[in-house]
PDB file of N, CA and C in Angstrom:
ATOM      1  N   UNK A   1    -137.558  26.445  30.679  1.00  0.00           N
ATOM      2  CA  UNK A   1    -137.353  25.205  31.373  1.00  0.00           C
ATOM      3  C   UNK A   1    -135.884  25.110  31.792  1.00  0.00           C
ATOM      4  N   UNK A   2    -135.659  24.632  33.028  1.00  0.00           N
ATOM      5  CA  UNK A   2    -134.308  24.518  33.558  1.00  0.00           C
ATOM      6  C   UNK A   2    -133.595  23.323  32.940  1.00  0.00           C
ATOM      7  N   UNK A   3    -132.374  23.555  32.483  1.00  0.00           N
ATOM      8  CA  UNK A   3    -131.536  22.471  31.967  1.00  0.00           C
ATOM      9  C   UNK A   3    -130.237  22.500  32.753  1.00  0.00           C
ATOM     10  N   UNK A   4    -129.946  21.425  33.505  1.00  0.00           N
ATOM     11  CA  UNK A   4    -128.722  21.423  34.299  1.00  0.00           C
ATOM     12  C   UNK A   4    -127.489  21.445  33.422  1.00  0.00           C
ATOM     13  N   UNK A   5    -126.462  22.138  33.903  1.00  0.00           N
ATOM     14  CA  UNK A   5    -125.221  22.211  33.139  1.00  0.00           C
ATOM     15  C   UNK A   5    -124.456  20.899  33.189  1.00  0.00           C
ATOM     16  N   UNK A   6    -124.668  20.126  34.238  1.00  0.00           N
ATOM     17  CA  UNK A   6    -123.988  18.841  34.373  1.00  0.00           C
ATOM     18  C   UNK A   6    -125.027  17.776  34.722  1.00  0.00           C
ATOM     19  N   UNK A   7    -125.599  17.102  33.713  1.00  0.00           N
ATOM     20  CA  UNK A   7    -126.646  16.116  33.996  1.00  0.00           C
ATOM     21  C   UNK A   7    -126.180  14.976  34.895  1.00  0.00           C
ATOM     22  N   UNK A   8    -124.903  14.589  34.798  1.00  0.00           N
ATOM     23  CA  UNK A   8    -124.413  13.521  35.666  1.00  0.00           C
ATOM     24  C   UNK A   8    -124.431  13.933  37.129  1.00  0.00           C
ATOM     25  N   UNK A   9    -124.083  15.195  37.402  1.00  0.00           N
ATOM     26  CA  UNK A   9    -124.119  15.697  38.764  1.00  0.00           C
ATOM     27  C   UNK A   9    -125.555  15.716  39.272  1.00  0.00           C
ATOM     28  N   UNK A  10    -126.474  16.172  38.431  1.00  0.00           N
ATOM     29  CA  UNK A  10    -127.879  16.209  38.823  1.00  0.00           C
ATOM     30  C   UNK A  10    -128.376  14.807  39.130  1.00  0.00           C
ATOM     31  N   UNK A  11    -128.036  13.842  38.290  1.00  0.00           N
ATOM     32  CA  UNK A  11    -128.444  12.459  38.535  1.00  0.00           C
ATOM     33  C   UNK A  11    -127.842  11.953  39.833  1.00  0.00           C
ATOM     34  N   UNK A  12    -126.605  12.323  40.120  1.00  0.00           N
ATOM     35  CA  UNK A  12    -125.947  11.908  41.353  1.00  0.00           C
ATOM     36  C   UNK A  12    -126.655  12.489  42.573  1.00  0.00           C
ATOM     37  N   UNK A  13    -127.051  13.754  42.493  1.00  0.00           N
ATOM     38  CA  UNK A  13    -127.760  14.395  43.598  1.00  0.00           C
ATOM     39  C   UNK A  13    -129.100  13.708  43.821  1.00  0.00           C
ATOM     40  N   UNK A  14    -129.817  13.453  42.743  1.00  0.00           N
ATOM     41  CA  UNK A  14    -131.116  12.794  42.865  1.00  0.00           C
ATOM     42  C   UNK A  14    -130.941  11.402  43.452  1.00  0.00           C
ATOM     43  N   UNK A  15    -129.951  10.667  42.990  1.00  0.00           N
ATOM     44  CA  UNK A  15    -129.690   9.331  43.504  1.00  0.00           C
ATOM     45  C   UNK A  15    -129.352   9.384  44.990  1.00  0.00           C
ATOM     46  N   UNK A  16    -128.542  10.342  45.379  1.00  0.00           N
ATOM     47  CA  UNK A  16    -128.183  10.487  46.783  1.00  0.00           C
ATOM     48  C   UNK A  16    -129.415  10.795  47.614  1.00  0.00           C
ATOM     49  N   UNK A  17    -130.297  11.659  47.113  1.00  0.00           N
ATOM     50  CA  UNK A  17    -131.517  11.980  47.837  1.00  0.00           C
ATOM     51  C   UNK A  17    -132.392  10.746  47.960  1.00  0.00           C
ATOM     52  N   UNK A  18    -132.468   9.951  46.916  1.00  0.00           N
ATOM     53  CA  UNK A  18    -133.300   8.767  46.927  1.00  0.00           C
ATOM     54  C   UNK A  18    -132.732   7.700  47.848  1.00  0.00           C
ATOM     55  N   UNK A  19    -131.438   7.640  47.968  1.00  0.00           N
ATOM     56  CA  UNK A  19    -130.798   6.600  48.762  1.00  0.00           C
ATOM     57  C   UNK A  19    -131.103   6.766  50.249  1.00  0.00           C
ATOM     58  N   UNK A  20    -131.260   7.961  50.707  1.00  0.00           N
ATOM     59  CA  UNK A  20    -131.399   8.212  52.137  1.00  0.00           C
ATOM     60  C   UNK A  20    -132.832   8.546  52.531  1.00  0.00           C
ATOM     61  N   UNK A  21    -133.759   7.699  52.156  1.00  0.00           N
ATOM     62  CA  UNK A  21    -135.151   7.922  52.515  1.00  0.00           C
ATOM     63  C   UNK A  21    -135.387   7.455  53.949  1.00  0.00           C
ATOM     64  N   UNK A  22    -136.270   8.157  54.643  1.00  0.00           N
ATOM     65  CA  UNK A  22    -136.649   7.779  55.996  1.00  0.00           C
ATOM     66  C   UNK A  22    -138.137   7.484  55.988  1.00  0.00           C
ATOM     67  N   UNK A  23    -138.479   6.292  56.424  1.00  0.00           N
ATOM     68  CA  UNK A  23    -139.865   5.865  56.458  1.00  0.00           C
ATOM     69  C   UNK A  23    -140.291   5.645  57.900  1.00  0.00           C
ATOM     70  N   UNK A  24    -141.584   5.763  58.142  1.00  0.00           N
ATOM     71  CA  UNK A  24    -142.142   5.442  59.453  1.00  0.00           C
ATOM     72  C   UNK A  24    -143.114   4.297  59.290  1.00  0.00           C
ATOM     73  N   UNK A  25    -143.155   3.425  60.288  1.00  0.00           N
ATOM     74  CA  UNK A  25    -144.061   2.290  60.243  1.00  0.00           C
ATOM     75  C   UNK A  25    -144.467   1.937  61.666  1.00  0.00           C
ATOM     76  N   UNK A  26    -145.554   1.212  61.795  1.00  0.00           N
ATOM     77  CA  UNK A  26    -145.978   0.743  63.112  1.00  0.00           C
ATOM     78  C   UNK A  26    -145.211  -0.529  63.455  1.00  0.00           C
ATOM     79  N   UNK A  27    -145.193  -0.856  64.724  1.00  0.00           N
ATOM     80  CA  UNK A  27    -144.510  -2.075  65.162  1.00  0.00           C
ATOM     81  C   UNK A  27    -145.150  -3.307  64.525  1.00  0.00           C
ATOM     82  N   UNK A  28    -146.460  -3.292  64.369  1.00  0.00           N
ATOM     83  CA  UNK A  28    -147.155  -4.429  63.753  1.00  0.00           C
ATOM     84  C   UNK A  28    -146.741  -4.577  62.293  1.00  0.00           C
ATOM     85  N   UNK A  29    -146.757  -3.476  61.540  1.00  0.00           N
ATOM     86  CA  UNK A  29    -146.334  -3.530  60.132  1.00  0.00           C
ATOM     87  C   UNK A  29    -144.870  -3.934  60.020  1.00  0.00           C
ATOM     88  N   UNK A  30    -144.062  -3.488  60.964  1.00  0.00           N
ATOM     89  CA  UNK A  30    -142.645  -3.847  60.957  1.00  0.00           C
ATOM     90  C   UNK A  30    -142.483  -5.357  61.094  1.00  0.00           C
ATOM     91  N   UNK A  31    -143.190  -5.945  62.063  1.00  0.00           N
ATOM     92  CA  UNK A  31    -143.114  -7.402  62.249  1.00  0.00           C
ATOM     93  C   UNK A  31    -143.579  -8.140  61.008  1.00  0.00           C
ATOM     94  N   UNK A  32    -144.647  -7.651  60.379  1.00  0.00           N
ATOM     95  CA  UNK A  32    -145.222  -8.331  59.217  1.00  0.00           C
ATOM     96  C   UNK A  32    -144.337  -8.223  57.981  1.00  0.00           C
ATOM     97  N   UNK A  33    -143.518  -7.182  57.896  1.00  0.00           N
ATOM     98  CA  UNK A  33    -142.715  -6.922  56.698  1.00  0.00           C
ATOM     99  C   UNK A  33    -141.226  -6.845  56.993  1.00  0.00           C
ATOM    100  N   UNK A  34    -140.782  -7.560  57.998  1.00  0.00           N
ATOM    101  CA  UNK A  34    -139.393  -7.457  58.438  1.00  0.00           C
ATOM    102  C   UNK A  34    -138.403  -7.718  57.312  1.00  0.00           C
ATOM    103  N   UNK A  35    -138.602  -8.761  56.536  1.00  0.00           N
ATOM    104  CA  UNK A  35    -137.661  -9.090  55.457  1.00  0.00           C
ATOM    105  C   UNK A  35    -137.540  -7.979  54.438  1.00  0.00           C
ATOM    106  N   UNK A  36    -138.671  -7.440  53.994  1.00  0.00           N
ATOM    107  CA  UNK A  36    -138.650  -6.346  53.019  1.00  0.00           C
ATOM    108  C   UNK A  36    -137.969  -5.106  53.594  1.00  0.00           C
ATOM    109  N   UNK A  37    -138.233  -4.836  54.862  1.00  0.00           N
ATOM    110  CA  UNK A  37    -137.641  -3.649  55.473  1.00  0.00           C
ATOM    111  C   UNK A  37    -136.135  -3.821  55.668  1.00  0.00           C
ATOM    112  N   UNK A  38    -135.703  -5.005  56.028  1.00  0.00           N
ATOM    113  CA  UNK A  38    -134.262  -5.253  56.128  1.00  0.00           C
ATOM    114  C   UNK A  38    -133.594  -5.048  54.773  1.00  0.00           C
ATOM    115  N   UNK A  39    -134.208  -5.538  53.710  1.00  0.00           N
ATOM    116  CA  UNK A  39    -133.656  -5.337  52.369  1.00  0.00           C
ATOM    117  C   UNK A  39    -133.615  -3.859  52.008  1.00  0.00           C
ATOM    118  N   UNK A  40    -134.653  -3.125  52.343  1.00  0.00           N
ATOM    119  CA  UNK A  40    -134.704  -1.691  52.043  1.00  0.00           C
ATOM    120  C   UNK A  40    -133.568  -0.949  52.744  1.00  0.00           C
ATOM    121  N   UNK A  41    -133.323  -1.323  53.981  1.00  0.00           N
ATOM    122  CA  UNK A  41    -132.249  -0.675  54.741  1.00  0.00           C
ATOM    123  C   UNK A  41    -130.881  -1.091  54.202  1.00  0.00           C
ATOM    124  N   UNK A  42    -130.731  -2.366  53.918  1.00  0.00           N
ATOM    125  CA  UNK A  42    -129.425  -2.877  53.491  1.00  0.00           C
ATOM    126  C   UNK A  42    -129.064  -2.438  52.070  1.00  0.00           C
ATOM    127  N   UNK A  43    -129.976  -2.606  51.137  1.00  0.00           N
ATOM    128  CA  UNK A  43    -129.637  -2.359  49.729  1.00  0.00           C
ATOM    129  C   UNK A  43    -129.850  -0.916  49.291  1.00  0.00           C
ATOM    130  N   UNK A  44    -130.770  -0.190  49.927  1.00  0.00           N
ATOM    131  CA  UNK A  44    -131.043   1.185  49.497  1.00  0.00           C
ATOM    132  C   UNK A  44    -130.628   2.219  50.536  1.00  0.00           C
ATOM    133  N   UNK A  45    -130.079   1.768  51.644  1.00  0.00           N
ATOM    134  CA  UNK A  45    -129.658   2.658  52.734  1.00  0.00           C
ATOM    135  C   UNK A  45    -130.799   3.481  53.306  1.00  0.00           C
ATOM    136  N   UNK A  46    -132.021   2.953  53.228  1.00  0.00           N
ATOM    137  CA  UNK A  46    -133.160   3.633  53.838  1.00  0.00           C
ATOM    138  C   UNK A  46    -133.056   3.512  55.355  1.00  0.00           C
ATOM    139  N   UNK A  47    -133.814   4.328  56.045  1.00  0.00           N
ATOM    140  CA  UNK A  47    -133.940   4.239  57.495  1.00  0.00           C
ATOM    141  C   UNK A  47    -135.425   4.096  57.811  1.00  0.00           C
ATOM    142  N   UNK A  48    -135.721   3.338  58.848  1.00  0.00           N
ATOM    143  CA  UNK A  48    -137.115   3.093  59.204  1.00  0.00           C
ATOM    144  C   UNK A  48    -137.305   3.409  60.678  1.00  0.00           C
ATOM    145  N   UNK A  49    -138.245   4.298  60.970  1.00  0.00           N
ATOM    146  CA  UNK A  49    -138.599   4.640  62.337  1.00  0.00           C
ATOM    147  C   UNK A  49    -139.817   3.794  62.694  1.00  0.00           C
ATOM    148  N   UNK A  50    -139.723   3.096  63.809  1.00  0.00           N
ATOM    149  CA  UNK A  50    -140.782   2.185  64.227  1.00  0.00           C
ATOM    150  C   UNK A  50    -141.572   2.842  65.354  1.00  0.00           C
ATOM    151  N   UNK A  51    -142.877   2.954  65.147  1.00  0.00           N
ATOM    152  CA  UNK A  51    -143.763   3.599  66.107  1.00  0.00           C
ATOM    153  C   UNK A  51    -144.639   2.571  66.808  1.00  0.00           C
ATOM    154  N   UNK A  52    -144.900   2.831  68.080  1.00  0.00           N
ATOM    155  CA  UNK A  52    -145.819   1.996  68.844  1.00  0.00           C
ATOM    156  C   UNK A  52    -146.672   2.921  69.693  1.00  0.00           C
ATOM    157  N   UNK A  53    -147.951   2.755  69.603  1.00  0.00           N
ATOM    158  CA  UNK A  53    -148.888   3.616  70.338  1.00  0.00           C
ATOM    159  C   UNK A  53    -148.645   5.089  70.034  1.00  0.00           C
ATOM    160  N   UNK A  54    -148.310   5.383  68.778  1.00  0.00           N
ATOM    161  CA  UNK A  54    -148.129   6.758  68.343  1.00  0.00           C
ATOM    162  C   UNK A  54    -146.796   7.387  68.721  1.00  0.00           C
ATOM    163  N   UNK A  55    -145.887   6.612  69.312  1.00  0.00           N
ATOM    164  CA  UNK A  55    -144.593   7.155  69.726  1.00  0.00           C
ATOM    165  C   UNK A  55    -143.471   6.406  69.018  1.00  0.00           C
ATOM    166  N   UNK A  56    -142.425   7.125  68.639  1.00  0.00           N
ATOM    167  CA  UNK A  56    -141.244   6.502  68.045  1.00  0.00           C
ATOM    168  C   UNK A  56    -140.507   5.733  69.136  1.00  0.00           C
ATOM    169  N   UNK A  57    -140.291   4.429  68.893  1.00  0.00           N
ATOM    170  CA  UNK A  57    -139.637   3.620  69.919  1.00  0.00           C
ATOM    171  C   UNK A  57    -138.289   3.065  69.469  1.00  0.00           C
ATOM    172  N   UNK A  58    -138.064   2.996  68.153  1.00  0.00           N
ATOM    173  CA  UNK A  58    -136.810   2.439  67.654  1.00  0.00           C
ATOM    174  C   UNK A  58    -136.616   2.881  66.218  1.00  0.00           C
ATOM    175  N   UNK A  59    -135.400   2.648  65.724  1.00  0.00           N
ATOM    176  CA  UNK A  59    -135.106   2.940  64.329  1.00  0.00           C
ATOM    177  C   UNK A  59    -134.227   1.829  63.775  1.00  0.00           C
ATOM    178  N   UNK A  60    -134.475   1.479  62.532  1.00  0.00           N
ATOM    179  CA  UNK A  60    -133.656   0.506  61.830  1.00  0.00           C
ATOM    180  C   UNK A  60    -132.851   1.281  60.803  1.00  0.00           C
ATOM    181  N   UNK A  61    -131.519   1.231  60.948  1.00  0.00           N
ATOM    182  CA  UNK A  61    -130.651   1.978  60.050  1.00  0.00           C
ATOM    183  C   UNK A  61    -129.586   1.049  59.482  1.00  0.00           C
ATOM    184  N   UNK A  62    -128.974   1.493  58.401  1.00  0.00           N
ATOM    185  CA  UNK A  62    -127.912   0.754  57.757  1.00  0.00           C
ATOM    186  C   UNK A  62    -126.728   0.598  58.712  1.00  0.00           C
ATOM    187  N   UNK A  63    -126.077  -0.559  58.679  1.00  0.00           N
ATOM    188  CA  UNK A  63    -124.959  -0.840  59.587  1.00  0.00           C
ATOM    189  C   UNK A  63    -123.817   0.165  59.418  1.00  0.00           C
ATOM    190  N   UNK A  64    -123.566   0.631  58.187  1.00  0.00           N
ATOM    191  CA  UNK A  64    -122.485   1.620  57.975  1.00  0.00           C
ATOM    192  C   UNK A  64    -122.820   2.928  58.668  1.00  0.00           C
ATOM    193  N   UNK A  65    -124.083   3.350  58.584  1.00  0.00           N
ATOM    194  CA  UNK A  65    -124.506   4.571  59.261  1.00  0.00           C
ATOM    195  C   UNK A  65    -124.390   4.399  60.770  1.00  0.00           C
ATOM    196  N   UNK A  66    -124.762   3.238  61.263  1.00  0.00           N
ATOM    197  CA  UNK A  66    -124.653   2.968  62.692  1.00  0.00           C
ATOM    198  C   UNK A  66    -123.200   3.080  63.164  1.00  0.00           C
ATOM    199  N   UNK A  67    -122.279   2.554  62.380  1.00  0.00           N
ATOM    200  CA  UNK A  67    -120.862   2.653  62.741  1.00  0.00           C
ATOM    201  C   UNK A  67    -120.401   4.104  62.761  1.00  0.00           C
ATOM    202  N   UNK A  68    -120.855   4.900  61.786  1.00  0.00           N
ATOM    203  CA  UNK A  68    -120.503   6.332  61.777  1.00  0.00           C
ATOM    204  C   UNK A  68    -121.033   7.019  63.027  1.00  0.00           C
ATOM    205  N   UNK A  69    -122.263   6.697  63.402  1.00  0.00           N
ATOM    206  CA  UNK A  69    -122.867   7.294  64.602  1.00  0.00           C
ATOM    207  C   UNK A  69    -122.068   6.899  65.834  1.00  0.00           C
ATOM    208  N   UNK A  70    -121.665   5.644  65.929  1.00  0.00           N
ATOM    209  CA  UNK A  70    -120.872   5.190  67.074  1.00  0.00           C
ATOM    210  C   UNK A  70    -119.550   5.935  67.151  1.00  0.00           C
ATOM    211  N   UNK A  71    -118.875   6.117  66.004  1.00  0.00           N
ATOM    212  CA  UNK A  71    -117.602   6.855  66.017  1.00  0.00           C
ATOM    213  C   UNK A  71    -117.829   8.303  66.430  1.00  0.00           C
ATOM    214  N   UNK A  72    -118.888   8.911  65.904  1.00  0.00           N
ATOM    215  CA  UNK A  72    -119.178  10.303  66.253  1.00  0.00           C
ATOM    216  C   UNK A  72    -119.507  10.424  67.739  1.00  0.00           C
ATOM    217  N   UNK A  73    -120.239   9.467  68.283  1.00  0.00           N
ATOM    218  CA  UNK A  73    -120.575   9.512  69.696  1.00  0.00           C
ATOM    219  C   UNK A  73    -119.313   9.381  70.545  1.00  0.00           C
ATOM    220  N   UNK A  74    -118.392   8.529  70.117  1.00  0.00           N
ATOM    221  CA  UNK A  74    -117.128   8.398  70.838  1.00  0.00           C
ATOM    222  C   UNK A  74    -116.354   9.710  70.861  1.00  0.00           C
ATOM    223  N   UNK A  75    -116.305  10.386  69.710  1.00  0.00           N
ATOM    224  CA  UNK A  75    -115.605  11.678  69.641  1.00  0.00           C
ATOM    225  C   UNK A  75    -116.332  12.728  70.480  1.00  0.00           C
ATOM    226  N   UNK A  76    -117.675  12.706  70.439  1.00  0.00           N
ATOM    227  CA  UNK A  76    -118.454  13.653  71.233  1.00  0.00           C
ATOM    228  C   UNK A  76    -118.217  13.435  72.721  1.00  0.00           C
ATOM    229  N   UNK A  77    -118.213  12.165  73.145  1.00  0.00           N
ATOM    230  CA  UNK A  77    -117.967  11.861  74.563  1.00  0.00           C
ATOM    231  C   UNK A  77    -116.591  12.338  74.997  1.00  0.00           C
ATOM    232  N   UNK A  78    -115.575  12.110  74.160  1.00  0.00           N
ATOM    233  CA  UNK A  78    -114.222  12.555  74.490  1.00  0.00           C
ATOM    234  C   UNK A  78    -114.159  14.079  74.583  1.00  0.00           C
ATOM    235  N   UNK A  79    -114.804  14.773  73.657  1.00  0.00           N
ATOM    236  CA  UNK A  79    -114.835  16.236  73.692  1.00  0.00           C
ATOM    237  C   UNK A  79    -115.562  16.733  74.937  1.00  0.00           C
ATOM    238  N   UNK A  80    -116.668  16.091  75.273  1.00  0.00           N
ATOM    239  CA  UNK A  80    -117.422  16.483  76.469  1.00  0.00           C
ATOM    240  C   UNK A  80    -116.572  16.334  77.724  1.00  0.00           C
ATOM    241  N   UNK A  81    -115.801  15.257  77.800  1.00  0.00           N
ATOM    242  CA  UNK A  81    -114.927  15.049  78.957  1.00  0.00           C
ATOM    243  C   UNK A  81    -113.847  16.122  79.035  1.00  0.00           C
ATOM    244  N   UNK A  82    -113.273  16.461  77.873  1.00  0.00           N
ATOM    245  CA  UNK A  82    -112.235  17.508  77.870  1.00  0.00           C
ATOM    246  C   UNK A  82    -112.817  18.849  78.297  1.00  0.00           C
ATOM    247  N   UNK A  83    -114.026  19.155  77.805  1.00  0.00           N
ATOM    248  CA  UNK A  83    -114.670  20.410  78.206  1.00  0.00           C
ATOM    249  C   UNK A  83    -114.975  20.409  79.700  1.00  0.00           C
ATOM    250  N   UNK A  84    -115.469  19.289  80.206  1.00  0.00           N
ATOM    251  CA  UNK A  84    -115.773  19.193  81.639  1.00  0.00           C
ATOM    252  C   UNK A  84    -114.516  19.402  82.470  1.00  0.00           C
ATOM    253  N   UNK A  85    -113.408  18.810  82.037  1.00  0.00           N
ATOM    254  CA  UNK A  85    -112.146  18.982  82.767  1.00  0.00           C
ATOM    255  C   UNK A  85    -111.670  20.426  82.692  1.00  0.00           C
ATOM    256  N   UNK A  86    -111.823  21.037  81.524  1.00  0.00           N
ATOM    257  CA  UNK A  86    -111.369  22.412  81.345  1.00  0.00           C
ATOM    258  C   UNK A  86    -112.156  23.422  82.166  1.00  0.00           C
ATOM    259  N   UNK A  87    -113.416  23.098  82.428  1.00  0.00           N
ATOM    260  CA  UNK A  87    -114.267  24.031  83.177  1.00  0.00           C
ATOM    261  C   UNK A  87    -114.587  23.525  84.576  1.00  0.00           C
ATOM    262  N   UNK A  88    -113.824  22.550  85.047  1.00  0.00           N
ATOM    263  CA  UNK A  88    -114.103  21.958  86.357  1.00  0.00           C
ATOM    264  C   UNK A  88    -114.025  22.984  87.494  1.00  0.00           C
ATOM    265  N   UNK A  89    -113.167  23.979  87.365  1.00  0.00           N
ATOM    266  CA  UNK A  89    -112.993  24.978  88.422  1.00  0.00           C
ATOM    267  C   UNK A  89    -113.962  26.151  88.293  1.00  0.00           C
ATOM    268  N   UNK A  90    -114.763  26.171  87.224  1.00  0.00           N
ATOM    269  CA  UNK A  90    -115.705  27.269  87.010  1.00  0.00           C
ATOM    270  C   UNK A  90    -116.993  27.007  87.788  1.00  0.00           C
ATOM    271  N   UNK A  91    -117.431  27.989  88.552  1.00  0.00           N
ATOM    272  CA  UNK A  91    -118.699  27.853  89.272  1.00  0.00           C
ATOM    273  C   UNK A  91    -119.854  27.840  88.279  1.00  0.00           C
ATOM    274  N   UNK A  92    -120.893  27.090  88.604  1.00  0.00           N
ATOM    275  CA  UNK A  92    -122.014  26.948  87.682  1.00  0.00           C
ATOM    276  C   UNK A  92    -122.642  28.301  87.352  1.00  0.00           C
ATOM    277  N   UNK A  93    -122.833  29.147  88.348  1.00  0.00           N
ATOM    278  CA  UNK A  93    -123.459  30.457  88.101  1.00  0.00           C
ATOM    279  C   UNK A  93    -122.624  31.300  87.141  1.00  0.00           C
ATOM    280  N   UNK A  94    -121.299  31.258  87.302  1.00  0.00           N
ATOM    281  CA  UNK A  94    -120.417  32.020  86.418  1.00  0.00           C
ATOM    282  C   UNK A  94    -120.463  31.458  84.997  1.00  0.00           C
ATOM    283  N   UNK A  95    -120.443  30.145  84.870  1.00  0.00           N
ATOM    284  CA  UNK A  95    -120.504  29.518  83.552  1.00  0.00           C
ATOM    285  C   UNK A  95    -121.800  29.840  82.833  1.00  0.00           C
ATOM    286  N   UNK A  96    -122.919  29.778  83.555  1.00  0.00           N
ATOM    287  CA  UNK A  96    -124.213  30.083  82.946  1.00  0.00           C
ATOM    288  C   UNK A  96    -124.288  31.565  82.550  1.00  0.00           C
ATOM    289  N   UNK A  97    -123.721  32.436  83.350  1.00  0.00           N
ATOM    290  CA  UNK A  97    -123.701  33.866  83.016  1.00  0.00           C
ATOM    291  C   UNK A  97    -122.888  34.093  81.745  1.00  0.00           C
ATOM    292  N   UNK A  98    -121.754  33.406  81.603  1.00  0.00           N
ATOM    293  CA  UNK A  98    -120.935  33.522  80.391  1.00  0.00           C
ATOM    294  C   UNK A  98    -121.704  33.029  79.165  1.00  0.00           C
ATOM    295  N   UNK A  99    -122.403  31.916  79.324  1.00  0.00           N
ATOM    296  CA  UNK A  99    -123.191  31.374  78.204  1.00  0.00           C
ATOM    297  C   UNK A  99    -124.298  32.344  77.821  1.00  0.00           C
ATOM    298  N   UNK A 100    -125.012  32.870  78.802  1.00  0.00           N
ATOM    299  CA  UNK A 100    -126.092  33.824  78.522  1.00  0.00           C
ATOM    300  C   UNK A 100    -125.561  35.070  77.803  1.00  0.00           C
ATOM    301  N   UNK A 101    -124.394  35.548  78.225  1.00  0.00           N
ATOM    302  CA  UNK A 101    -123.799  36.724  77.586  1.00  0.00           C
ATOM    303  C   UNK A 101    -123.415  36.412  76.141  1.00  0.00           C
ATOM    304  N   UNK A 102    -122.864  35.238  75.895  1.00  0.00           N
ATOM    305  CA  UNK A 102    -122.483  34.859  74.533  1.00  0.00           C
ATOM    306  C   UNK A 102    -123.713  34.727  73.638  1.00  0.00           C
ATOM    307  N   UNK A 103    -124.775  34.142  74.143  1.00  0.00           N
ATOM    308  CA  UNK A 103    -126.019  34.003  73.379  1.00  0.00           C
ATOM    309  C   UNK A 103    -126.593  35.370  73.059  1.00  0.00           C
ATOM    310  N   UNK A 104    -126.611  36.261  74.033  1.00  0.00           N
ATOM    311  CA  UNK A 104    -127.145  37.619  73.817  1.00  0.00           C
ATOM    312  C   UNK A 104    -126.323  38.358  72.748  1.00  0.00           C
ATOM    313  N   UNK A 105    -125.013  38.219  72.800  1.00  0.00           N
ATOM    314  CA  UNK A 105    -124.165  38.882  71.807  1.00  0.00           C
ATOM    315  C   UNK A 105    -124.446  38.341  70.400  1.00  0.00           C
ATOM    316  N   UNK A 106    -124.617  37.044  70.266  1.00  0.00           N
ATOM    317  CA  UNK A 106    -124.924  36.455  68.950  1.00  0.00           C
ATOM    318  C   UNK A 106    -126.277  36.905  68.443  1.00  0.00           C
ATOM    319  N   UNK A 107    -127.250  37.019  69.336  1.00  0.00           N
ATOM    320  CA  UNK A 107    -128.589  37.449  68.918  1.00  0.00           C
ATOM    321  C   UNK A 107    -128.586  38.905  68.455  1.00  0.00           C
ATOM    322  N   UNK A 108    -127.729  39.724  69.045  1.00  0.00           N
ATOM    323  CA  UNK A 108    -127.655  41.126  68.632  1.00  0.00           C
ATOM    324  C   UNK A 108    -127.081  41.245  67.232  1.00  0.00           C
ATOM    325  N   UNK A 109    -126.167  40.327  66.869  1.00  0.00           N
ATOM    326  CA  UNK A 109    -125.557  40.356  65.530  1.00  0.00           C
ATOM    327  C   UNK A 109    -126.560  39.977  64.454  1.00  0.00           C
ATOM    328  N   UNK A 110    -127.498  39.112  64.788  1.00  0.00           N
ATOM    329  CA  UNK A 110    -128.439  38.588  63.784  1.00  0.00           C
ATOM    330  C   UNK A 110    -129.530  39.530  63.446  1.00  0.00           C
TER     331      UNK A 110
END
């Protein structure tokens, strides 16, 4: 039987795994249980994907996670702009050929 060398670390890992649960629910169930779902997201940091007609239409996430996503999106947008400026003079065909060559080289290594 496995016995962890650091039980506190194991408990921390399990707690972290439990904290970030992702649930799916229908829009009808979401409306009927809004208060409970808000508490689940707020107090346990769960995330809830809301489905309608079999398709994911929205997600309810913790406000702290939402702020992290917003900051990451801002950094991603800034990086995308810098890349676009850096490659503005590159013709599309040449850029795509460079990308294809890089992908092929990586696949040969694997």
